[in-house]
Amino acid sequence: MPELFDHGGRPTRIAIGNLKTVSVTKALAAAGDYAAGDVMSESASAGTAWTFSAIARENNAGGHIVKAIAFCQTTALTPALTLFLFHTLPTSELDDNKANTAVLWADKDNFIGSINFPAMEDLGTGISQSIAVADSGDTNNLPLAFETTETTDDLFGVVVTRDAITGESANMNLMISLTAEQW
């Protein structure tokens, strides 16, 4: 990993300029309407974290997330979403359509931050979409610095709707894409 030294002689990490995009798609269980604050996942009883595999260059590395995109296969859905990110699998609620419990006290040391997606829009493209980018003037929390652990180069997420959703359909696809500048 490249290192420079600050004015005090302490090593600092620098971005190497490599952008990497990792996308995760889940067919949401969506067995019923979502309430604001519900988790969005692939199973109502055995949900898993959203795993952004190899988002870092290597184990124990990191960078800055500079862009995040959410696409939903079903049109005319306009919820705002939040993605809670962790460097270790969270112990919070992961099941679809259940009330969010992230960030639990047990996960606080593994929490790296959250990304707030603006409300999705349906612009006649056949999907609903939401895009959060660094320096967009939005309150999306980007860029978001992250570092992975010694045992993985992945990040783990929990997606939560900030709005009620009533037009969902079972097995509709939700894709979350993160672009990171690695160091």
Protein backbone atom coordinates (compact mmCIF):
# COMPACT_ATOMS: atom_id res chain seq x y z
CA MET A 1 0.00 0.00 0.00
CA PRO A 2 1.49 3.40 -0.94
CA GLU A 3 2.46 5.57 2.00
CA LEU A 4 3.46 9.18 2.39
CA PHE A 5 4.39 11.02 5.55
CA ASP A 6 2.57 14.03 6.98
CA HIS A 7 4.39 17.06 8.40
CA GLY A 8 4.74 15.28 11.74
CA GLY A 9 6.50 12.30 10.14
CA ARG A 10 3.47 10.02 10.60
CA PRO A 11 2.65 7.69 7.70
CA THR A 12 -0.58 8.48 5.85
CA ARG A 13 -2.41 6.44 3.25
CA ILE A 14 -3.12 7.96 -0.12
CA ALA A 15 -5.53 7.06 -2.87
CA ILE A 16 -3.86 5.26 -5.73
CA GLY A 17 -6.45 6.56 -8.16
CA ASN A 18 -7.98 3.18 -8.90
CA LEU A 19 -11.77 3.33 -9.15
CA LYS A 20 -13.65 0.10 -8.58
CA THR A 21 -17.38 -0.46 -8.90
CA VAL A 22 -19.08 -3.36 -7.13
CA SER A 23 -22.77 -4.10 -7.70
CA VAL A 24 -25.04 -6.37 -5.70
CA THR A 25 -28.51 -7.40 -6.87
CA LYS A 26 -31.10 -9.11 -4.70
CA ALA A 27 -34.53 -10.44 -5.64
CA LEU A 28 -36.47 -8.98 -2.72
CA ALA A 29 -38.94 -11.19 -0.90
CA ALA A 30 -41.40 -8.24 -0.80
CA ALA A 31 -44.21 -10.41 0.54
CA GLY A 32 -46.13 -7.33 1.68
CA ASP A 33 -46.02 -3.56 1.86
CA TYR A 34 -42.90 -2.03 3.37
CA ALA A 35 -43.21 0.38 6.28
CA ALA A 36 -40.76 3.24 6.63
CA GLY A 37 -37.72 1.82 8.43
CA ASP A 38 -38.05 -1.74 7.08
CA VAL A 39 -35.08 -3.83 5.94
CA MET A 40 -34.98 -4.79 2.24
CA SER A 41 -33.51 -8.25 1.65
CA GLU A 42 -34.00 -11.51 -0.23
CA SER A 43 -35.79 -13.48 2.49
CA ALA A 44 -38.34 -12.73 5.20
CA SER A 45 -36.82 -15.42 7.45
CA ALA A 46 -33.20 -15.97 6.31
CA GLY A 47 -32.06 -12.58 5.01
CA THR A 48 -28.37 -11.89 4.49
CA ALA A 49 -26.24 -8.77 4.43
CA TRP A 50 -25.54 -7.06 1.12
CA THR A 51 -21.93 -8.13 0.45
CA PHE A 52 -19.80 -5.78 -1.64
CA SER A 53 -17.09 -8.29 -2.52
CA ALA A 54 -13.52 -7.13 -3.08
CA ILE A 55 -14.40 -3.42 -2.83
CA ALA A 56 -10.91 -2.91 -1.35
CA ARG A 57 -7.70 -3.70 -3.21
CA GLU A 58 -6.80 -6.32 -0.61
CA ASN A 59 -7.55 -7.33 2.97
CA ASN A 60 -6.99 -4.54 5.51
CA ALA A 61 -7.15 -1.86 2.81
CA GLY A 62 -9.75 0.73 1.99
CA GLY A 63 -10.56 3.94 0.22
CA HIS A 64 -13.45 6.32 -0.26
CA ILE A 65 -16.88 5.51 -1.67
CA VAL A 66 -17.50 8.32 -4.16
CA LYS A 67 -20.70 7.18 -5.88
CA ALA A 68 -23.66 4.98 -5.04
CA ILE A 69 -26.54 3.97 -7.31
CA ALA A 70 -29.77 2.16 -6.51
CA PHE A 71 -31.91 0.63 -9.28
CA CYS A 72 -35.24 -1.06 -8.68
CA GLN A 73 -36.75 -3.29 -11.34
CA THR A 74 -40.30 -2.17 -10.50
CA THR A 75 -41.30 1.21 -11.92
CA ALA A 76 -43.13 4.01 -10.12
CA LEU A 77 -41.52 3.30 -6.74
CA THR A 78 -40.11 6.45 -5.17
CA PRO A 79 -38.72 5.58 -1.72
CA ALA A 80 -35.60 7.11 -0.25
CA LEU A 81 -33.17 4.41 0.95
CA THR A 82 -30.33 4.22 3.45
CA LEU A 83 -27.43 1.78 3.18
CA PHE A 84 -25.70 1.04 6.50
CA LEU A 85 -22.13 -0.22 5.88
CA PHE A 86 -19.91 -2.40 8.07
CA HIS A 87 -16.45 -3.95 7.70
CA THR A 88 -17.68 -7.09 9.53
CA LEU A 89 -21.00 -8.92 9.14
CA PRO A 90 -23.57 -7.04 11.25
CA THR A 91 -25.72 -8.77 13.86
CA SER A 92 -28.70 -6.46 13.25
CA GLU A 93 -31.97 -7.48 11.58
CA LEU A 94 -31.34 -8.75 8.03
CA ASP A 95 -34.76 -10.21 7.18
CA ASP A 96 -36.92 -8.54 4.55
CA ASN A 97 -39.90 -6.46 5.64
CA LYS A 98 -38.74 -6.43 9.27
CA ALA A 99 -38.09 -3.28 11.30
CA ASN A 100 -34.48 -2.16 11.02
CA THR A 101 -32.28 -2.50 14.11
CA ALA A 102 -28.97 -1.25 12.61
CA VAL A 103 -26.77 0.00 14.09
CA LEU A 104 -26.79 -2.28 17.14
CA TRP A 105 -24.45 -1.54 20.04
CA ALA A 106 -22.72 -4.87 19.33
CA ASP A 107 -21.91 -3.62 15.80
CA LYS A 108 -20.80 -0.07 16.62
CA ASP A 109 -17.07 -0.83 16.25
CA ASN A 110 -17.68 -2.43 12.83
CA PHE A 111 -19.84 0.41 11.47
CA ILE A 112 -18.17 2.61 8.86
CA GLY A 113 -21.10 4.88 8.02
CA SER A 114 -24.28 5.14 6.00
CA ILE A 115 -25.22 6.38 2.55
CA ASN A 116 -28.52 8.19 2.13
CA PHE A 117 -30.02 7.73 -1.32
CA PRO A 118 -32.40 10.46 -2.44
CA ALA A 119 -35.94 9.42 -3.34
CA MET A 120 -36.02 7.13 -6.36
CA GLU A 121 -37.44 8.45 -9.60
CA ASP A 122 -39.19 6.80 -12.51
CA LEU A 123 -38.11 8.70 -15.60
CA GLY A 124 -39.65 6.41 -18.19
CA THR A 125 -36.60 4.16 -18.31
CA GLY A 126 -38.42 1.03 -17.24
CA ILE A 127 -36.88 1.10 -13.77
CA SER A 128 -36.85 3.31 -10.69
CA GLN A 129 -33.45 4.81 -9.90
CA SER A 130 -31.59 6.84 -7.31
CA ILE A 131 -28.04 8.16 -7.62
CA ALA A 132 -25.89 9.56 -4.82
CA VAL A 133 -22.53 11.10 -5.70
CA ALA A 134 -19.83 12.91 -3.75
CA ASP A 135 -20.07 16.70 -3.69
CA SER A 136 -23.57 16.67 -5.16
CA GLY A 137 -24.82 19.05 -2.49
CA ASP A 138 -27.07 16.34 -1.11
CA THR A 139 -26.89 15.00 2.43
CA ASN A 140 -25.87 11.55 1.23
CA ASN A 141 -22.68 11.23 3.35
CA LEU A 142 -20.33 10.86 0.36
CA PRO A 143 -17.44 10.56 0.03
CA LEU A 144 -17.38 7.89 2.74
CA ALA A 145 -14.00 6.61 3.94
CA PHE A 146 -13.75 2.90 4.69
CA GLU A 147 -11.22 0.29 5.71
CA THR A 148 -11.67 -3.47 5.58
CA THR A 149 -10.36 -5.96 8.13
CA GLU A 150 -7.30 -8.21 8.07
CA THR A 151 -9.50 -11.15 6.99
CA THR A 152 -11.52 -9.66 4.13
CA ASP A 153 -11.59 -7.07 1.36
CA ASP A 154 -15.40 -6.89 1.50
CA LEU A 155 -17.93 -4.49 2.99
CA PHE A 156 -21.34 -5.59 4.30
CA GLY A 157 -24.54 -3.60 4.15
CA VAL A 158 -28.11 -3.36 5.37
CA VAL A 159 -30.57 -1.56 3.05
CA VAL A 160 -33.48 0.21 4.73
CA THR A 161 -36.36 2.13 3.17
CA ARG A 162 -36.99 5.55 4.67
CA ASP A 163 -40.49 5.63 3.14
CA ALA A 164 -43.44 3.26 3.03
CA ILE A 165 -43.65 1.25 -0.21
CA THR A 166 -46.99 -0.07 -1.46
CA GLY A 167 -46.32 -0.90 -5.12
CA GLU A 168 -43.74 -3.62 -4.52
CA SER A 169 -43.88 -7.05 -6.12
CA ALA A 170 -42.44 -10.31 -4.85
CA ASN A 171 -38.99 -11.09 -6.27
CA MET A 172 -38.48 -7.60 -7.69
CA ASN A 173 -34.79 -6.90 -8.17
CA LEU A 174 -33.00 -4.17 -6.25
CA MET A 175 -29.42 -3.40 -7.25
CA ILE A 176 -27.02 -1.33 -5.18
CA SER A 177 -23.80 -0.27 -6.88
CA LEU A 178 -20.86 1.35 -5.05
CA THR A 179 -17.89 3.03 -6.70
CA ALA A 180 -14.81 3.39 -4.52
CA GLU A 181 -11.49 5.12 -4.99
CA GLN A 182 -9.11 2.57 -3.49
CA TRP A 183 -5.96 3.13 -1.46
